[in-house]
Amino acid sequence: MSIEDLRARQRQALEKAGHRTLWLALSESMSMQQDNFHRLEALHSRYCHGTVATLPDGWTDIVGQFLGMIDDLGDLADAVSLRFERCPDGAKAFAFPEMSRWHPHQMNSLRIAQRGLLHASRETCEACGKDNAVPMSVGDGSFFLCQEHQASVQEKL
């Protein structure tokens, strides 16, 4: 292996490490503000789990809408447990229902709400909550960002 090949690999490794560092910094800067988490928790205390705080701040409104839809399903506070996760393809809500206490209509409504959250998160900027977000790759990860935030990330790349 020539010295030029080694230098090229070193440059690639440094660039990849820089992108990972940028992804981590962006994730941290876009994390949900405590005030927003506490607001969601106050409005939807029966279903709001601590994992909501791991989602980006820009998704606060769509998570609130999802929790509102769960509230509308009926009194299921002791019949369901929800967990949230930011995945490469958007926000996912994992539900662990006690099946014997759920009506088929409620199960269908839950699936519709879960799909709605996922699709809404794909179109909502993780930083500011504006619509028309598109995925933007940063190293091995990606974000859903509006044009304004894509431009600021592009400058850092």
C-alpha atoms as a PDB file:
ATOM      1  CA  MET A   1       0.000   0.000   0.000  1.00  0.00           C
ATOM      2  CA  SER A   2       1.467   3.335  -0.994  1.00  0.00           C
ATOM      3  CA  ILE A   3       1.800   6.368   1.239  1.00  0.00           C
ATOM      4  CA  GLU A   4      -0.817   8.168  -0.860  1.00  0.00           C
ATOM      5  CA  ASP A   5      -3.329   5.407  -0.169  1.00  0.00           C
ATOM      6  CA  LEU A   6      -2.634   5.665   3.546  1.00  0.00           C
ATOM      7  CA  ARG A   7      -3.080   9.438   3.478  1.00  0.00           C
ATOM      8  CA  ALA A   8      -6.353   9.070   1.553  1.00  0.00           C
ATOM      9  CA  ARG A   9      -7.654   6.607   4.133  1.00  0.00           C
ATOM     10  CA  GLN A  10      -6.587   8.900   6.946  1.00  0.00           C
ATOM     11  CA  ARG A  11      -8.429  11.830   5.330  1.00  0.00           C
ATOM     12  CA  GLN A  12     -11.551   9.679   4.948  1.00  0.00           C
ATOM     13  CA  ALA A  13     -11.373   8.591   8.584  1.00  0.00           C
ATOM     14  CA  LEU A  14     -10.966  12.193   9.775  1.00  0.00           C
ATOM     15  CA  GLU A  15     -13.877  13.348   7.600  1.00  0.00           C
ATOM     16  CA  LYS A  16     -16.092  10.543   8.901  1.00  0.00           C
ATOM     17  CA  ALA A  17     -15.176  11.388  12.506  1.00  0.00           C
ATOM     18  CA  GLY A  18     -15.987  15.036  11.825  1.00  0.00           C
ATOM     19  CA  HIS A  19     -19.414  14.115  10.450  1.00  0.00           C
ATOM     20  CA  ARG A  20     -20.141  11.943  13.496  1.00  0.00           C
ATOM     21  CA  THR A  21     -19.157  14.785  15.803  1.00  0.00           C
ATOM     22  CA  LEU A  22     -21.385  17.175  13.851  1.00  0.00           C
ATOM     23  CA  TRP A  23     -24.295  14.703  13.974  1.00  0.00           C
ATOM     24  CA  LEU A  24     -23.895  14.385  17.744  1.00  0.00           C
ATOM     25  CA  ALA A  25     -23.711  18.160  18.224  1.00  0.00           C
ATOM     26  CA  LEU A  26     -26.799  18.708  16.053  1.00  0.00           C
ATOM     27  CA  SER A  27     -28.725  15.986  17.899  1.00  0.00           C
ATOM     28  CA  GLU A  28     -27.877  17.609  21.198  1.00  0.00           C
ATOM     29  CA  SER A  29     -28.798  21.107  20.014  1.00  0.00           C
ATOM     30  CA  MET A  30     -32.174  19.891  18.699  1.00  0.00           C
ATOM     31  CA  SER A  31     -33.113  17.836  21.758  1.00  0.00           C
ATOM     32  CA  MET A  32     -36.447  18.584  23.388  1.00  0.00           C
ATOM     33  CA  GLN A  33     -36.451  21.507  25.783  1.00  0.00           C
ATOM     34  CA  GLN A  34     -37.450  20.628  29.341  1.00  0.00           C
ATOM     35  CA  ASP A  35     -40.282  23.188  29.275  1.00  0.00           C
ATOM     36  CA  ASN A  36     -41.820  21.467  26.244  1.00  0.00           C
ATOM     37  CA  PHE A  37     -41.492  18.035  27.841  1.00  0.00           C
ATOM     38  CA  HIS A  38     -43.110  19.279  31.061  1.00  0.00           C
ATOM     39  CA  ARG A  39     -45.927  20.886  29.042  1.00  0.00           C
ATOM     40  CA  LEU A  40     -46.621  17.587  27.251  1.00  0.00           C
ATOM     41  CA  GLU A  41     -46.409  15.733  30.543  1.00  0.00           C
ATOM     42  CA  ALA A  42     -48.904  18.119  32.162  1.00  0.00           C
ATOM     43  CA  LEU A  43     -51.356  17.845  29.266  1.00  0.00           C
ATOM     44  CA  HIS A  44     -51.068  14.086  28.772  1.00  0.00           C
ATOM     45  CA  SER A  45     -49.787  12.743  32.084  1.00  0.00           C
ATOM     46  CA  ARG A  46     -51.448   9.339  31.663  1.00  0.00           C
ATOM     47  CA  TYR A  47     -49.538   8.451  28.496  1.00  0.00           C
ATOM     48  CA  CYS A  48     -46.515  10.749  28.353  1.00  0.00           C
ATOM     49  CA  HIS A  49     -43.419   8.657  29.087  1.00  0.00           C
ATOM     50  CA  GLY A  50     -39.916   9.988  29.745  1.00  0.00           C
ATOM     51  CA  THR A  51     -38.798   8.742  26.338  1.00  0.00           C
ATOM     52  CA  VAL A  52     -40.690  11.696  24.810  1.00  0.00           C
ATOM     53  CA  ALA A  53     -37.817  13.874  26.036  1.00  0.00           C
ATOM     54  CA  THR A  54     -35.417  12.012  23.720  1.00  0.00           C
ATOM     55  CA  LEU A  55     -37.226  13.325  20.632  1.00  0.00           C
ATOM     56  CA  PRO A  56     -36.224  16.552  18.867  1.00  0.00           C
ATOM     57  CA  ASP A  57     -37.753  19.809  20.035  1.00  0.00           C
ATOM     58  CA  GLY A  58     -39.253  20.495  16.606  1.00  0.00           C
ATOM     59  CA  TRP A  59     -41.478  17.441  16.985  1.00  0.00           C
ATOM     60  CA  THR A  60     -43.113  18.652  20.206  1.00  0.00           C
ATOM     61  CA  ASP A  61     -46.387  19.637  18.506  1.00  0.00           C
ATOM     62  CA  ILE A  62     -46.800  16.434  16.507  1.00  0.00           C
ATOM     63  CA  VAL A  63     -46.089  14.345  19.618  1.00  0.00           C
ATOM     64  CA  GLY A  64     -48.706  16.411  21.468  1.00  0.00           C
ATOM     65  CA  GLN A  65     -51.192  15.705  18.681  1.00  0.00           C
ATOM     66  CA  PHE A  66     -50.402  11.984  18.887  1.00  0.00           C
ATOM     67  CA  LEU A  67     -50.892  11.951  22.655  1.00  0.00           C
ATOM     68  CA  GLY A  68     -54.170  13.832  22.170  1.00  0.00           C
ATOM     69  CA  MET A  69     -55.336  11.112  19.788  1.00  0.00           C
ATOM     70  CA  ILE A  70     -54.454   8.491  22.402  1.00  0.00           C
ATOM     71  CA  ASP A  71     -56.456  10.456  24.993  1.00  0.00           C
ATOM     72  CA  ASP A  72     -59.420  10.406  22.605  1.00  0.00           C
ATOM     73  CA  LEU A  73     -59.345   6.592  22.410  1.00  0.00           C
ATOM     74  CA  GLY A  74     -60.832   6.330  25.883  1.00  0.00           C
ATOM     75  CA  ASP A  75     -59.633   5.655  29.396  1.00  0.00           C
ATOM     76  CA  LEU A  76     -56.722   3.332  28.752  1.00  0.00           C
ATOM     77  CA  ALA A  77     -54.292   4.685  31.350  1.00  0.00           C
ATOM     78  CA  ASP A  78     -53.715   1.328  32.969  1.00  0.00           C
ATOM     79  CA  ALA A  79     -54.229  -0.671  29.764  1.00  0.00           C
ATOM     80  CA  VAL A  80     -51.395   0.715  27.619  1.00  0.00           C
ATOM     81  CA  SER A  81     -47.795   1.755  27.963  1.00  0.00           C
ATOM     82  CA  LEU A  82     -46.146   4.000  25.348  1.00  0.00           C
ATOM     83  CA  ARG A  83     -42.478   4.496  24.495  1.00  0.00           C
ATOM     84  CA  PHE A  84     -41.033   6.860  21.901  1.00  0.00           C
ATOM     85  CA  GLU A  85     -37.939   6.641  19.744  1.00  0.00           C
ATOM     86  CA  ARG A  86     -36.310   8.768  17.080  1.00  0.00           C
ATOM     87  CA  CYS A  87     -35.471   6.359  14.262  1.00  0.00           C
ATOM     88  CA  PRO A  88     -33.738   7.012  10.937  1.00  0.00           C
ATOM     89  CA  ASP A  89     -37.149   6.993   9.248  1.00  0.00           C
ATOM     90  CA  GLY A  90     -38.896   9.289  11.762  1.00  0.00           C
ATOM     91  CA  ALA A  91     -40.542   9.251  15.181  1.00  0.00           C
ATOM     92  CA  LYS A  92     -41.985   5.958  16.319  1.00  0.00           C
ATOM     93  CA  ALA A  93     -44.373   5.340  19.180  1.00  0.00           C
ATOM     94  CA  PHE A  94     -44.261   1.832  20.550  1.00  0.00           C
ATOM     95  CA  ALA A  95     -47.430   0.762  22.331  1.00  0.00           C
ATOM     96  CA  PHE A  96     -47.706  -2.138  24.718  1.00  0.00           C
ATOM     97  CA  PRO A  97     -51.459  -2.629  25.152  1.00  0.00           C
ATOM     98  CA  GLU A  98     -53.159  -5.040  27.485  1.00  0.00           C
ATOM     99  CA  MET A  99     -55.058  -6.801  24.717  1.00  0.00           C
ATOM    100  CA  SER A 100     -57.942  -8.110  26.799  1.00  0.00           C
ATOM    101  CA  ARG A 101     -59.036  -4.551  27.623  1.00  0.00           C
ATOM    102  CA  TRP A 102     -58.889  -3.129  24.105  1.00  0.00           C
ATOM    103  CA  HIS A 103     -61.703  -2.961  21.579  1.00  0.00           C
ATOM    104  CA  PRO A 104     -60.742  -3.644  17.909  1.00  0.00           C
ATOM    105  CA  HIS A 105     -61.738  -0.063  17.031  1.00  0.00           C
ATOM    106  CA  GLN A 106     -59.251   1.225  19.615  1.00  0.00           C
ATOM    107  CA  MET A 107     -56.494  -1.001  18.211  1.00  0.00           C
ATOM    108  CA  ASN A 108     -57.148   0.287  14.699  1.00  0.00           C
ATOM    109  CA  SER A 109     -57.200   3.890  15.914  1.00  0.00           C
ATOM    110  CA  LEU A 110     -53.888   3.316  17.702  1.00  0.00           C
ATOM    111  CA  ARG A 111     -52.277   2.006  14.501  1.00  0.00           C
ATOM    112  CA  ILE A 112     -53.599   5.006  12.565  1.00  0.00           C
ATOM    113  CA  ALA A 113     -52.203   7.382  15.198  1.00  0.00           C
ATOM    114  CA  GLN A 114     -48.812   5.631  15.132  1.00  0.00           C
ATOM    115  CA  ARG A 115     -48.619   5.869  11.341  1.00  0.00           C
ATOM    116  CA  GLY A 116     -49.719   9.492  11.502  1.00  0.00           C
ATOM    117  CA  LEU A 117     -46.911  10.332  13.931  1.00  0.00           C
ATOM    118  CA  LEU A 118     -44.324   8.594  11.752  1.00  0.00           C
ATOM    119  CA  HIS A 119     -45.460  10.360   8.571  1.00  0.00           C
ATOM    120  CA  ALA A 120     -45.759  13.744  10.291  1.00  0.00           C
ATOM    121  CA  SER A 121     -42.245  13.424  11.708  1.00  0.00           C
ATOM    122  CA  ARG A 122     -40.884  12.808   8.221  1.00  0.00           C
ATOM    123  CA  GLU A 123     -42.328  16.135   7.080  1.00  0.00           C
ATOM    124  CA  THR A 124     -41.559  18.217  10.190  1.00  0.00           C
ATOM    125  CA  CYS A 125     -38.246  19.957  10.820  1.00  0.00           C
ATOM    126  CA  GLU A 126     -36.535  18.515  13.874  1.00  0.00           C
ATOM    127  CA  ALA A 127     -35.085  21.906  14.779  1.00  0.00           C
ATOM    128  CA  CYS A 128     -38.029  24.306  14.415  1.00  0.00           C
ATOM    129  CA  GLY A 129     -41.169  22.259  13.697  1.00  0.00           C
ATOM    130  CA  LYS A 130     -41.882  23.755  10.254  1.00  0.00           C
ATOM    131  CA  ASP A 131     -43.544  21.612   7.588  1.00  0.00           C
ATOM    132  CA  ASN A 132     -41.932  20.533   4.322  1.00  0.00           C
ATOM    133  CA  ALA A 133     -38.835  19.012   5.924  1.00  0.00           C
ATOM    134  CA  VAL A 134     -36.782  16.573   3.914  1.00  0.00           C
ATOM    135  CA  PRO A 135     -34.161  14.071   5.049  1.00  0.00           C
ATOM    136  CA  MET A 136     -30.558  15.259   5.121  1.00  0.00           C
ATOM    137  CA  SER A 137     -27.666  12.889   5.666  1.00  0.00           C
ATOM    138  CA  VAL A 138     -24.918  13.858   8.071  1.00  0.00           C
ATOM    139  CA  GLY A 139     -22.304  11.138   8.189  1.00  0.00           C
ATOM    140  CA  ASP A 140     -23.966   7.837   9.048  1.00  0.00           C
ATOM    141  CA  GLY A 141     -27.095   9.539  10.436  1.00  0.00           C
ATOM    142  CA  SER A 142     -29.757  11.796   9.030  1.00  0.00           C
ATOM    143  CA  PHE A 143     -32.147  14.537  10.092  1.00  0.00           C
ATOM    144  CA  PHE A 144     -35.467  15.840   8.802  1.00  0.00           C
ATOM    145  CA  LEU A 145     -34.841  19.550   8.247  1.00  0.00           C
ATOM    146  CA  CYS A 146     -36.498  22.532   6.586  1.00  0.00           C
ATOM    147  CA  GLN A 147     -34.598  24.468   3.909  1.00  0.00           C
ATOM    148  CA  GLU A 148     -33.372  27.061   6.413  1.00  0.00           C
ATOM    149  CA  HIS A 149     -31.824  24.490   8.741  1.00  0.00           C
ATOM    150  CA  GLN A 150     -30.485  22.422   5.836  1.00  0.00           C
ATOM    151  CA  ALA A 151     -28.548  25.481   4.685  1.00  0.00           C
ATOM    152  CA  SER A 152     -27.027  26.017   8.147  1.00  0.00           C
ATOM    153  CA  VAL A 153     -26.006  22.351   8.406  1.00  0.00           C
ATOM    154  CA  GLN A 154     -24.615  22.422   4.865  1.00  0.00           C
ATOM    155  CA  GLU A 155     -22.340  25.306   5.908  1.00  0.00           C
ATOM    156  CA  LYS A 156     -20.941  23.174   8.735  1.00  0.00           C
ATOM    157  CA  LEU A 157     -20.243  20.230   6.446  1.00  0.00           C
END
